[in-house]
């Protein structure tokens, strides 16, 4: 890849990123009153985060079983409104213990 191509790619990426951030400010000047649109915009970050995270959960460990155990521990702890750090630590510990048990057995 040449330096000229790299500059063009960077410029296009910057333009697209700028448009995505500025377009809502230009289009929606009034307050959004529709409950449907408000709830849709409220849940978009959670849906995107889930769509980005969940597939990686199943490929981050050595086996699907340990990934499922870690995910289950994380979901249960998050369901009980634990903080992000305890959920992440517990999920990692569950994966570690599960993989250690699978190696021993």
N, C-alpha and C. Protein backbone atom coordinates (compact mmCIF):
# COMPACT_ATOMS: atom_id res chain seq x y z
N UNK A 1 0.84 -1.16 0.00
CA UNK A 1 0.00 0.00 0.00
C UNK A 1 0.90 1.24 0.00
N UNK A 2 0.62 2.13 -0.91
CA UNK A 2 1.44 3.33 -1.01
C UNK A 2 0.95 4.39 -0.04
N UNK A 3 1.75 5.41 0.16
CA UNK A 3 1.38 6.49 1.08
C UNK A 3 0.18 7.27 0.56
N UNK A 4 0.09 7.38 -0.78
CA UNK A 4 -1.05 8.10 -1.35
C UNK A 4 -2.37 7.37 -1.07
N UNK A 5 -2.34 6.03 -1.22
CA UNK A 5 -3.54 5.26 -0.92
C UNK A 5 -3.90 5.37 0.55
N UNK A 6 -2.90 5.32 1.40
CA UNK A 6 -3.15 5.41 2.84
C UNK A 6 -3.79 6.75 3.20
N UNK A 7 -3.33 7.83 2.58
CA UNK A 7 -3.92 9.14 2.83
C UNK A 7 -5.36 9.20 2.35
N UNK A 8 -5.64 8.60 1.17
CA UNK A 8 -7.01 8.59 0.66
C UNK A 8 -7.93 7.76 1.57
N UNK A 9 -7.46 6.63 2.00
CA UNK A 9 -8.26 5.80 2.91
C UNK A 9 -8.55 6.53 4.21
N UNK A 10 -7.53 7.22 4.74
CA UNK A 10 -7.72 7.96 5.98
C UNK A 10 -8.70 9.11 5.79
N UNK A 11 -8.60 9.79 4.66
CA UNK A 11 -9.51 10.91 4.38
C UNK A 11 -10.94 10.43 4.24
N UNK A 12 -11.14 9.32 3.54
CA UNK A 12 -12.50 8.78 3.39
C UNK A 12 -13.04 8.33 4.74
N UNK A 13 -12.22 7.67 5.52
CA UNK A 13 -12.66 7.23 6.85
C UNK A 13 -13.02 8.42 7.74
N UNK A 14 -12.23 9.47 7.69
CA UNK A 14 -12.52 10.67 8.48
C UNK A 14 -13.81 11.32 8.01
N UNK A 15 -14.02 11.38 6.70
CA UNK A 15 -15.25 11.97 6.17
C UNK A 15 -16.48 11.19 6.58
N UNK A 16 -16.41 9.89 6.48
CA UNK A 16 -17.56 9.05 6.86
C UNK A 16 -17.83 9.18 8.35
N UNK A 17 -16.79 9.15 9.16
CA UNK A 17 -16.97 9.29 10.60
C UNK A 17 -17.57 10.65 10.95
N UNK A 18 -17.11 11.69 10.28
CA UNK A 18 -17.65 13.03 10.53
C UNK A 18 -19.12 13.10 10.12
N UNK A 19 -19.47 12.54 8.97
CA UNK A 19 -20.87 12.58 8.52
C UNK A 19 -21.78 11.84 9.49
N UNK A 20 -21.34 10.70 9.97
CA UNK A 20 -22.17 9.92 10.90
C UNK A 20 -22.42 10.71 12.17
N UNK A 21 -21.46 11.47 12.61
CA UNK A 21 -21.62 12.23 13.86
C UNK A 21 -22.38 13.54 13.66
N UNK A 22 -22.26 14.16 12.50
CA UNK A 22 -22.88 15.46 12.28
C UNK A 22 -24.30 15.33 11.74
N UNK A 23 -24.57 14.31 10.97
CA UNK A 23 -25.87 14.17 10.32
C UNK A 23 -27.05 14.21 11.29
N UNK A 24 -27.02 13.51 12.42
CA UNK A 24 -28.15 13.62 13.36
C UNK A 24 -28.33 15.03 13.89
N UNK A 25 -27.25 15.76 14.11
CA UNK A 25 -27.36 17.13 14.62
C UNK A 25 -28.01 18.04 13.59
N UNK A 26 -27.76 17.76 12.32
CA UNK A 26 -28.31 18.59 11.25
C UNK A 26 -29.77 18.22 11.00
N UNK A 27 -30.09 16.94 11.02
CA UNK A 27 -31.44 16.49 10.67
C UNK A 27 -32.45 16.69 11.80
N UNK A 28 -32.04 16.46 13.03
CA UNK A 28 -32.98 16.51 14.16
C UNK A 28 -32.70 17.76 14.99
N UNK A 29 -33.32 18.86 14.61
CA UNK A 29 -33.12 20.11 15.34
C UNK A 29 -34.13 20.25 16.48
N UNK A 30 -35.27 19.59 16.35
CA UNK A 30 -36.29 19.69 17.40
C UNK A 30 -36.17 18.48 18.33
N UNK A 31 -36.80 18.59 19.47
CA UNK A 31 -36.79 17.49 20.42
C UNK A 31 -37.59 16.32 19.87
N UNK A 32 -37.08 15.12 20.04
CA UNK A 32 -37.77 13.92 19.58
C UNK A 32 -38.84 13.58 20.61
N UNK A 33 -40.11 13.56 20.16
CA UNK A 33 -41.22 13.33 21.09
C UNK A 33 -41.81 11.93 20.97
N UNK A 34 -41.51 11.22 19.90
CA UNK A 34 -42.08 9.89 19.70
C UNK A 34 -41.48 8.90 20.71
N UNK A 35 -42.33 8.24 21.50
CA UNK A 35 -41.80 7.26 22.46
C UNK A 35 -41.10 6.09 21.77
N UNK A 36 -41.61 5.72 20.57
CA UNK A 36 -40.99 4.62 19.85
C UNK A 36 -39.57 4.97 19.44
N UNK A 37 -39.38 6.16 18.88
CA UNK A 37 -38.04 6.57 18.43
C UNK A 37 -37.12 6.75 19.63
N UNK A 38 -37.66 7.31 20.74
CA UNK A 38 -36.83 7.48 21.93
C UNK A 38 -36.36 6.14 22.47
N UNK A 39 -37.28 5.17 22.54
CA UNK A 39 -36.88 3.85 23.07
C UNK A 39 -35.94 3.15 22.10
N UNK A 40 -36.16 3.34 20.80
CA UNK A 40 -35.26 2.76 19.80
C UNK A 40 -33.85 3.32 19.97
N UNK A 41 -33.73 4.62 20.12
CA UNK A 41 -32.41 5.24 20.28
C UNK A 41 -31.80 4.89 21.63
N UNK A 42 -32.64 4.63 22.64
CA UNK A 42 -32.11 4.27 23.95
C UNK A 42 -31.45 2.89 23.92
N UNK A 43 -32.04 1.94 23.18
CA UNK A 43 -31.53 0.57 23.20
C UNK A 43 -30.48 0.28 22.12
N UNK A 44 -30.26 1.19 21.21
CA UNK A 44 -29.28 0.97 20.14
C UNK A 44 -27.87 0.68 20.69
N UNK A 45 -27.35 1.45 21.65
CA UNK A 45 -25.99 1.13 22.13
C UNK A 45 -25.88 -0.26 22.73
N UNK A 46 -26.89 -0.71 23.46
CA UNK A 46 -26.85 -2.04 24.05
C UNK A 46 -26.90 -3.12 22.98
N UNK A 47 -27.72 -2.91 21.97
CA UNK A 47 -27.83 -3.90 20.88
C UNK A 47 -26.52 -4.00 20.10
N UNK A 48 -25.91 -2.86 19.83
CA UNK A 48 -24.65 -2.86 19.08
C UNK A 48 -23.54 -3.50 19.91
N UNK A 49 -23.50 -3.17 21.20
CA UNK A 49 -22.49 -3.76 22.07
C UNK A 49 -22.65 -5.27 22.16
N UNK A 50 -23.88 -5.73 22.28
CA UNK A 50 -24.14 -7.17 22.31
C UNK A 50 -23.77 -7.85 21.01
N UNK A 51 -24.10 -7.20 19.90
CA UNK A 51 -23.78 -7.79 18.60
C UNK A 51 -22.28 -7.86 18.36
N UNK A 52 -21.54 -6.94 18.95
CA UNK A 52 -20.08 -6.96 18.79
C UNK A 52 -19.41 -7.91 19.77
N UNK A 53 -20.00 -8.08 20.96
CA UNK A 53 -19.34 -8.83 22.02
C UNK A 53 -19.66 -10.32 21.99
N UNK A 54 -20.90 -10.67 21.81
CA UNK A 54 -21.32 -12.07 21.94
C UNK A 54 -20.58 -13.00 20.98
N UNK A 55 -20.44 -12.67 19.69
CA UNK A 55 -19.67 -13.60 18.83
C UNK A 55 -18.23 -13.79 19.27
N UNK A 56 -17.61 -12.73 19.82
CA UNK A 56 -16.22 -12.84 20.27
C UNK A 56 -16.11 -13.69 21.52
N UNK A 57 -17.17 -13.75 22.32
CA UNK A 57 -17.14 -14.55 23.55
C UNK A 57 -16.91 -16.02 23.20
N UNK A 58 -17.56 -16.48 22.15
CA UNK A 58 -17.49 -17.91 21.81
C UNK A 58 -16.19 -18.29 21.10
N UNK A 59 -15.42 -17.32 20.66
CA UNK A 59 -14.17 -17.65 19.99
C UNK A 59 -12.94 -17.25 20.80
N UNK A 60 -13.14 -16.70 22.00
CA UNK A 60 -12.01 -16.20 22.79
C UNK A 60 -11.37 -17.28 23.66
N UNK A 61 -12.04 -18.39 23.84
CA UNK A 61 -11.51 -19.44 24.71
C UNK A 61 -11.10 -20.65 23.89
N UNK A 62 -10.52 -21.64 24.60
CA UNK A 62 -10.07 -22.84 23.89
C UNK A 62 -11.22 -23.74 23.47
N UNK A 63 -12.30 -23.72 24.28
CA UNK A 63 -13.42 -24.61 23.95
C UNK A 63 -14.73 -23.86 24.10
N UNK A 64 -15.75 -24.38 23.44
CA UNK A 64 -17.07 -23.78 23.50
C UNK A 64 -17.69 -23.95 24.88
N UNK A 65 -17.36 -25.04 25.56
CA UNK A 65 -17.92 -25.30 26.90
C UNK A 65 -17.48 -24.22 27.88
N UNK A 66 -16.19 -23.93 27.92
CA UNK A 66 -15.70 -22.91 28.85
C UNK A 66 -16.25 -21.53 28.49
N UNK A 67 -16.43 -21.27 27.22
CA UNK A 67 -17.02 -19.99 26.80
C UNK A 67 -18.46 -19.88 27.29
N UNK A 68 -19.21 -20.97 27.18
CA UNK A 68 -20.60 -20.97 27.65
C UNK A 68 -20.67 -20.80 29.16
N UNK A 69 -19.76 -21.45 29.88
CA UNK A 69 -19.74 -21.31 31.34
C UNK A 69 -19.41 -19.87 31.73
N UNK A 70 -18.42 -19.29 31.12
CA UNK A 70 -18.09 -17.89 31.40
C UNK A 70 -19.22 -16.94 31.07
N UNK A 71 -19.87 -17.17 29.94
CA UNK A 71 -21.00 -16.33 29.56
C UNK A 71 -22.14 -16.48 30.56
N UNK A 72 -22.42 -17.71 30.98
CA UNK A 72 -23.50 -17.93 31.94
C UNK A 72 -23.21 -17.24 33.27
N UNK A 73 -21.98 -17.35 33.74
CA UNK A 73 -21.60 -16.68 35.00
C UNK A 73 -21.76 -15.16 34.85
N UNK A 74 -21.32 -14.62 33.73
CA UNK A 74 -21.43 -13.18 33.51
C UNK A 74 -22.88 -12.73 33.44
N UNK A 75 -23.72 -13.52 32.77
CA UNK A 75 -25.14 -13.14 32.66
C UNK A 75 -25.81 -13.19 34.03
N UNK A 76 -25.53 -14.22 34.80
CA UNK A 76 -26.16 -14.34 36.12
C UNK A 76 -25.71 -13.19 37.03
N UNK A 77 -24.43 -12.89 37.03
CA UNK A 77 -23.95 -11.80 37.88
C UNK A 77 -24.48 -10.44 37.40
N UNK A 78 -24.55 -10.23 36.11
CA UNK A 78 -25.09 -8.98 35.59
C UNK A 78 -26.58 -8.88 35.89
N UNK A 79 -27.27 -10.02 35.84
CA UNK A 79 -28.70 -10.03 36.16
C UNK A 79 -28.94 -9.60 37.61
N UNK A 80 -28.01 -9.92 38.48
CA UNK A 80 -28.10 -9.53 39.89
C UNK A 80 -27.46 -8.17 40.14
N UNK A 81 -27.26 -7.40 39.08
CA UNK A 81 -26.81 -6.01 39.13
C UNK A 81 -25.45 -5.84 39.81
N UNK A 82 -24.54 -6.75 39.53
CA UNK A 82 -23.17 -6.58 40.00
C UNK A 82 -22.43 -5.62 39.06
N UNK A 83 -21.34 -5.07 39.51
CA UNK A 83 -20.58 -4.11 38.71
C UNK A 83 -19.84 -4.78 37.57
N UNK A 84 -19.31 -3.95 36.69
CA UNK A 84 -18.61 -4.47 35.51
C UNK A 84 -17.37 -5.26 35.89
N UNK A 85 -16.58 -4.72 36.83
CA UNK A 85 -15.35 -5.41 37.20
C UNK A 85 -15.61 -6.76 37.87
N UNK A 86 -16.51 -6.86 38.85
CA UNK A 86 -16.79 -8.19 39.41
C UNK A 86 -17.32 -9.18 38.37
N UNK A 87 -18.16 -8.72 37.45
CA UNK A 87 -18.69 -9.60 36.41
C UNK A 87 -17.56 -10.11 35.52
N UNK A 88 -16.67 -9.21 35.10
CA UNK A 88 -15.57 -9.62 34.23
C UNK A 88 -14.61 -10.56 34.95
N UNK A 89 -14.32 -10.26 36.20
CA UNK A 89 -13.40 -11.12 36.97
C UNK A 89 -14.02 -12.50 37.18
N UNK A 90 -15.29 -12.54 37.54
CA UNK A 90 -15.96 -13.83 37.78
C UNK A 90 -16.04 -14.65 36.48
N UNK A 91 -16.33 -14.00 35.37
CA UNK A 91 -16.41 -14.72 34.09
C UNK A 91 -15.04 -15.28 33.71
N UNK A 92 -14.00 -14.48 33.89
CA UNK A 92 -12.64 -14.95 33.59
C UNK A 92 -12.26 -16.12 34.51
N UNK A 93 -12.60 -16.00 35.79
CA UNK A 93 -12.30 -17.08 36.73
C UNK A 93 -13.07 -18.35 36.37
N UNK A 94 -14.32 -18.20 35.97
CA UNK A 94 -15.11 -19.37 35.57
C UNK A 94 -14.51 -20.06 34.35
N UNK A 95 -14.07 -19.27 33.39
CA UNK A 95 -13.43 -19.84 32.20
C UNK A 95 -12.14 -20.54 32.57
N UNK A 96 -11.34 -19.89 33.43
CA UNK A 96 -10.06 -20.48 33.83
C UNK A 96 -10.28 -21.81 34.55
N UNK A 97 -11.22 -21.84 35.51
CA UNK A 97 -11.48 -23.06 36.26
C UNK A 97 -12.04 -24.14 35.34
N UNK A 98 -12.93 -23.78 34.45
CA UNK A 98 -13.51 -24.76 33.53
C UNK A 98 -12.45 -25.37 32.62
N UNK A 99 -11.57 -24.54 32.08
CA UNK A 99 -10.52 -25.08 31.21
C UNK A 99 -9.52 -25.91 32.00
N UNK A 100 -9.25 -25.50 33.24
CA UNK A 100 -8.35 -26.29 34.08
C UNK A 100 -8.97 -27.65 34.40
N UNK A 101 -10.27 -27.66 34.72
CA UNK A 101 -10.95 -28.93 34.98
C UNK A 101 -10.99 -29.81 33.74
N UNK A 102 -11.20 -29.20 32.59
CA UNK A 102 -11.24 -29.99 31.35
C UNK A 102 -9.87 -30.57 31.03
N UNK A 103 -8.80 -29.88 31.40
CA UNK A 103 -7.45 -30.39 31.14
C UNK A 103 -7.10 -31.51 32.12
N UNK A 104 -7.59 -31.40 33.36
CA UNK A 104 -7.29 -32.40 34.39
C UNK A 104 -8.07 -33.68 34.15
N UNK A 105 -9.33 -33.53 33.80
CA UNK A 105 -10.20 -34.70 33.64
C UNK A 105 -9.93 -35.42 32.35
